[in-house]
Each structure stands twice: as structure tokens, then as C-alpha cells.
Amino acid sequence: MPNADSFAEATKKTTEIGRAVVNHLNAGEKSDEPLWAAYWDAGFESVEGDGQSWKGIDEVRKKHAEWYAAFTVHNCKAEGPYVTNDAFAVKIEMEIEANDGSMPRISMSEIGLYTVADGKVVREQFFNAPRD
């Protein structure tokens, strides 16, 4: 079983990335480009709660552009990170509204699970809270 010092060393980069994600989300940044440039592998995979996935920075850029064209984010709050040596999770709460009026302003929450290899995020997966 690893001791506390070896765990702390193993989680140092993962913790750094996780804190950067939480700070970025809490700052209300519209573009994730700074995070991707600093901390994401160019071939990373992004998986949404409905199972759809995108592979590579170009596909994910397109996904983000389409999402921001469809929705307005009124606020965003992130908690965490919750860290292991090769992954971290972040709780994300947002208020969003469809730009075309098809969906009223709603509150949503999700968990983002980020897998880290060689100091870069290689996979992000989002888990949505069920709606009643």
C-alpha cells in the first residue's frame, strides 16, 4: 500500500490540472482553448452523458461551437477536484437556456471525470443527474 508521500507525488500533476479546470469553470470562461492547449492531449476523447463521443481536438471544437450556438450559460459553479493518481472528478452546476426559446432556463448538474496519462487529459466523460 502506498504511503501518503508517494500518493501526493503521484497526484501532483493530476491535482494541478483538476484545480485549473475548477478555476476555469468558476471564472465563467467561454472558451476551453487555454485548458486544451495547456493540459489536454490533442487526441483526447470527450464523452457526453448520452453516450455520444468525439475524438480529437477538431471534433471537440466543433461540438463546443455547436453547443454554445444553441445554449446560453447564465452561470456555472464547479467543486473539486476529487483526485486519484490518474484521474480527477469535478462536480459542475450550471444554469442554461436554449437560444432559440425551445427550452426554458434550467439548472443542471453533472460530474466530469477526467483521465490523465503522461501529464495530459486523454479522456473526459460527463455524467448527468437524472431529471424527474
C-alpha atoms as a PDB file:
ATOM      1  CA  MET A   1       0.000   0.000   0.000  1.00  0.00           C
ATOM      2  CA  PRO A   2       1.484   3.392  -0.967  1.00  0.00           C
ATOM      3  CA  ASN A   3       2.285   5.851   1.773  1.00  0.00           C
ATOM      4  CA  ALA A   4       0.932   9.397   1.918  1.00  0.00           C
ATOM      5  CA  ASP A   5       4.095  10.906   0.405  1.00  0.00           C
ATOM      6  CA  SER A   6       4.080   8.642  -2.658  1.00  0.00           C
ATOM      7  CA  PHE A   7       0.367   9.269  -3.212  1.00  0.00           C
ATOM      8  CA  ALA A   8       0.923  13.034  -3.005  1.00  0.00           C
ATOM      9  CA  GLU A   9       3.744  12.833  -5.551  1.00  0.00           C
ATOM     10  CA  ALA A  10       1.713  10.623  -7.898  1.00  0.00           C
ATOM     11  CA  THR A  11      -1.243  13.004  -7.788  1.00  0.00           C
ATOM     12  CA  LYS A  12       0.680  16.291  -8.134  1.00  0.00           C
ATOM     13  CA  LYS A  13       0.082  16.832 -11.895  1.00  0.00           C
ATOM     14  CA  THR A  14      -3.449  15.428 -11.747  1.00  0.00           C
ATOM     15  CA  THR A  15      -4.256  17.844  -8.915  1.00  0.00           C
ATOM     16  CA  GLU A  16      -2.753  20.768 -10.851  1.00  0.00           C
ATOM     17  CA  ILE A  17      -4.921  20.006 -13.882  1.00  0.00           C
ATOM     18  CA  GLY A  18      -8.028  19.470 -11.746  1.00  0.00           C
ATOM     19  CA  ARG A  19      -7.572  22.795  -9.980  1.00  0.00           C
ATOM     20  CA  ALA A  20      -7.084  24.532 -13.326  1.00  0.00           C
ATOM     21  CA  VAL A  21     -10.392  23.078 -14.577  1.00  0.00           C
ATOM     22  CA  VAL A  22     -12.281  24.147 -11.436  1.00  0.00           C
ATOM     23  CA  ASN A  23     -10.805  27.664 -11.538  1.00  0.00           C
ATOM     24  CA  HIS A  24     -11.565  27.961 -15.270  1.00  0.00           C
ATOM     25  CA  LEU A  25     -15.207  26.948 -14.823  1.00  0.00           C
ATOM     26  CA  ASN A  26     -15.722  29.181 -11.789  1.00  0.00           C
ATOM     27  CA  ALA A  27     -14.267  32.150 -13.697  1.00  0.00           C
ATOM     28  CA  GLY A  28     -17.051  31.798 -16.290  1.00  0.00           C
ATOM     29  CA  GLU A  29     -14.688  31.424 -19.236  1.00  0.00           C
ATOM     30  CA  LYS A  30     -16.465  30.825 -22.551  1.00  0.00           C
ATOM     31  CA  SER A  31     -13.562  29.129 -24.314  1.00  0.00           C
ATOM     32  CA  ASP A  32     -11.833  25.969 -23.154  1.00  0.00           C
ATOM     33  CA  GLU A  33      -8.941  26.565 -25.582  1.00  0.00           C
ATOM     34  CA  PRO A  34      -6.490  27.654 -22.827  1.00  0.00           C
ATOM     35  CA  LEU A  35      -7.164  24.434 -20.902  1.00  0.00           C
ATOM     36  CA  TRP A  36      -6.878  22.271 -24.001  1.00  0.00           C
ATOM     37  CA  ALA A  37      -3.587  23.902 -25.002  1.00  0.00           C
ATOM     38  CA  ALA A  38      -2.018  23.520 -21.572  1.00  0.00           C
ATOM     39  CA  TYR A  39      -3.400  20.257 -20.257  1.00  0.00           C
ATOM     40  CA  TRP A  40      -5.182  18.139 -22.913  1.00  0.00           C
ATOM     41  CA  ASP A  41      -3.699  15.590 -25.281  1.00  0.00           C
ATOM     42  CA  ALA A  42      -4.548  16.571 -28.886  1.00  0.00           C
ATOM     43  CA  GLY A  43      -6.210  13.182 -29.470  1.00  0.00           C
ATOM     44  CA  PHE A  44      -8.378  13.208 -26.336  1.00  0.00           C
ATOM     45  CA  GLU A  45     -11.870  11.768 -26.271  1.00  0.00           C
ATOM     46  CA  SER A  46     -14.917  13.622 -24.939  1.00  0.00           C
ATOM     47  CA  VAL A  47     -17.967  11.554 -23.937  1.00  0.00           C
ATOM     48  CA  GLU A  48     -21.306  13.145 -23.053  1.00  0.00           C
ATOM     49  CA  GLY A  49     -23.901  11.729 -20.676  1.00  0.00           C
ATOM     50  CA  ASP A  50     -25.989  10.360 -23.526  1.00  0.00           C
ATOM     51  CA  GLY A  51     -23.054   8.283 -24.794  1.00  0.00           C
ATOM     52  CA  GLN A  52     -22.109  10.435 -27.774  1.00  0.00           C
ATOM     53  CA  SER A  53     -18.365  10.798 -28.141  1.00  0.00           C
ATOM     54  CA  TRP A  54     -15.933  12.988 -30.036  1.00  0.00           C
ATOM     55  CA  LYS A  55     -12.279  12.148 -30.666  1.00  0.00           C
ATOM     56  CA  GLY A  56      -9.571  14.736 -31.154  1.00  0.00           C
ATOM     57  CA  ILE A  57      -9.377  18.462 -30.687  1.00  0.00           C
ATOM     58  CA  ASP A  58     -11.019  19.364 -34.018  1.00  0.00           C
ATOM     59  CA  GLU A  59     -14.152  17.288 -33.316  1.00  0.00           C
ATOM     60  CA  VAL A  60     -14.405  18.658 -29.779  1.00  0.00           C
ATOM     61  CA  ARG A  61     -14.027  22.250 -31.015  1.00  0.00           C
ATOM     62  CA  LYS A  62     -16.953  21.644 -33.376  1.00  0.00           C
ATOM     63  CA  LYS A  63     -19.019  20.143 -30.525  1.00  0.00           C
ATOM     64  CA  HIS A  64     -18.332  23.183 -28.329  1.00  0.00           C
ATOM     65  CA  ALA A  65     -19.163  25.652 -31.106  1.00  0.00           C
ATOM     66  CA  GLU A  66     -22.487  23.919 -31.769  1.00  0.00           C
ATOM     67  CA  TRP A  67     -23.328  23.767 -28.055  1.00  0.00           C
ATOM     68  CA  TYR A  68     -22.592  27.464 -27.446  1.00  0.00           C
ATOM     69  CA  ALA A  69     -24.586  28.384 -30.560  1.00  0.00           C
ATOM     70  CA  ALA A  70     -27.569  26.512 -29.094  1.00  0.00           C
ATOM     71  CA  PHE A  71     -27.339  27.495 -25.401  1.00  0.00           C
ATOM     72  CA  THR A  72     -26.582  30.423 -23.140  1.00  0.00           C
ATOM     73  CA  VAL A  73     -24.824  29.649 -19.861  1.00  0.00           C
ATOM     74  CA  HIS A  74     -26.117  32.035 -17.215  1.00  0.00           C
ATOM     75  CA  ASN A  75     -23.804  30.772 -14.501  1.00  0.00           C
ATOM     76  CA  CYS A  76     -21.503  27.899 -13.734  1.00  0.00           C
ATOM     77  CA  LYS A  77     -20.114  26.608 -10.460  1.00  0.00           C
ATOM     78  CA  ALA A  78     -17.543  23.849 -10.098  1.00  0.00           C
ATOM     79  CA  GLU A  79     -16.480  21.920  -6.997  1.00  0.00           C
ATOM     80  CA  GLY A  80     -13.432  19.752  -6.560  1.00  0.00           C
ATOM     81  CA  PRO A  81     -11.249  18.373  -7.846  1.00  0.00           C
ATOM     82  CA  TYR A  82     -11.564  14.902  -6.349  1.00  0.00           C
ATOM     83  CA  VAL A  83      -8.279  13.242  -7.270  1.00  0.00           C
ATOM     84  CA  THR A  84      -6.630   9.857  -7.769  1.00  0.00           C
ATOM     85  CA  ASN A  85      -3.192   9.331  -9.276  1.00  0.00           C
ATOM     86  CA  ASP A  86      -4.500   9.140 -12.869  1.00  0.00           C
ATOM     87  CA  ALA A  87      -7.926  10.802 -12.832  1.00  0.00           C
ATOM     88  CA  PHE A  88      -9.983  13.517 -11.208  1.00  0.00           C
ATOM     89  CA  ALA A  89     -13.660  14.359 -10.940  1.00  0.00           C
ATOM     90  CA  VAL A  90     -15.366  17.744 -10.820  1.00  0.00           C
ATOM     91  CA  LYS A  91     -18.959  18.496  -9.851  1.00  0.00           C
ATOM     92  CA  ILE A  92     -20.403  21.084 -12.232  1.00  0.00           C
ATOM     93  CA  GLU A  93     -23.648  23.009 -11.753  1.00  0.00           C
ATOM     94  CA  MET A  94     -24.966  25.310 -14.475  1.00  0.00           C
ATOM     95  CA  GLU A  95     -27.980  27.370 -15.361  1.00  0.00           C
ATOM     96  CA  ILE A  96     -28.556  27.189 -19.100  1.00  0.00           C
ATOM     97  CA  GLU A  97     -31.199  28.289 -21.582  1.00  0.00           C
ATOM     98  CA  ALA A  98     -31.802  27.412 -25.227  1.00  0.00           C
ATOM     99  CA  ASN A  99     -31.033  30.347 -27.510  1.00  0.00           C
ATOM    100  CA  ASP A 100     -33.992  29.558 -29.766  1.00  0.00           C
ATOM    101  CA  GLY A 101     -36.502  29.592 -26.887  1.00  0.00           C
ATOM    102  CA  SER A 102     -37.224  25.860 -27.165  1.00  0.00           C
ATOM    103  CA  MET A 103     -36.119  25.210 -23.585  1.00  0.00           C
ATOM    104  CA  PRO A 104     -36.633  27.499 -20.605  1.00  0.00           C
ATOM    105  CA  ARG A 105     -33.811  28.372 -18.258  1.00  0.00           C
ATOM    106  CA  ILE A 106     -32.952  25.278 -16.227  1.00  0.00           C
ATOM    107  CA  SER A 107     -30.476  24.216 -13.583  1.00  0.00           C
ATOM    108  CA  MET A 108     -28.417  21.153 -14.359  1.00  0.00           C
ATOM    109  CA  SER A 109     -25.643  19.315 -12.624  1.00  0.00           C
ATOM    110  CA  GLU A 110     -23.114  16.829 -13.856  1.00  0.00           C
ATOM    111  CA  ILE A 111     -19.922  15.128 -12.839  1.00  0.00           C
ATOM    112  CA  GLY A 112     -16.936  15.424 -15.148  1.00  0.00           C
ATOM    113  CA  LEU A 113     -14.461  12.542 -14.910  1.00  0.00           C
ATOM    114  CA  TYR A 114     -11.081  13.333 -16.463  1.00  0.00           C
ATOM    115  CA  THR A 115      -8.483  10.625 -17.152  1.00  0.00           C
ATOM    116  CA  VAL A 116      -4.834  11.738 -17.144  1.00  0.00           C
ATOM    117  CA  ALA A 117      -1.885   9.975 -18.805  1.00  0.00           C
ATOM    118  CA  ASP A 118       1.637  11.367 -19.145  1.00  0.00           C
ATOM    119  CA  GLY A 119       0.522  14.676 -17.627  1.00  0.00           C
ATOM    120  CA  LYS A 120      -2.317  15.304 -20.106  1.00  0.00           C
ATOM    121  CA  VAL A 121      -6.071  14.696 -20.115  1.00  0.00           C
ATOM    122  CA  VAL A 122      -6.757  11.856 -22.549  1.00  0.00           C
ATOM    123  CA  ARG A 123     -10.470  11.391 -21.824  1.00  0.00           C
ATOM    124  CA  GLU A 124     -13.276  13.434 -20.339  1.00  0.00           C
ATOM    125  CA  GLN A 125     -16.642  11.891 -19.571  1.00  0.00           C
ATOM    126  CA  PHE A 126     -19.715  13.641 -18.233  1.00  0.00           C
ATOM    127  CA  PHE A 127     -22.370  12.051 -16.035  1.00  0.00           C
ATOM    128  CA  ASN A 128     -25.707  13.847 -15.785  1.00  0.00           C
ATOM    129  CA  ALA A 129     -28.059  13.878 -12.818  1.00  0.00           C
ATOM    130  CA  PRO A 130     -31.389  12.255 -13.717  1.00  0.00           C
ATOM    131  CA  ARG A 131     -34.291  14.605 -14.326  1.00  0.00           C
ATOM    132  CA  ASP A 132     -37.602  13.803 -12.657  1.00  0.00           C
END
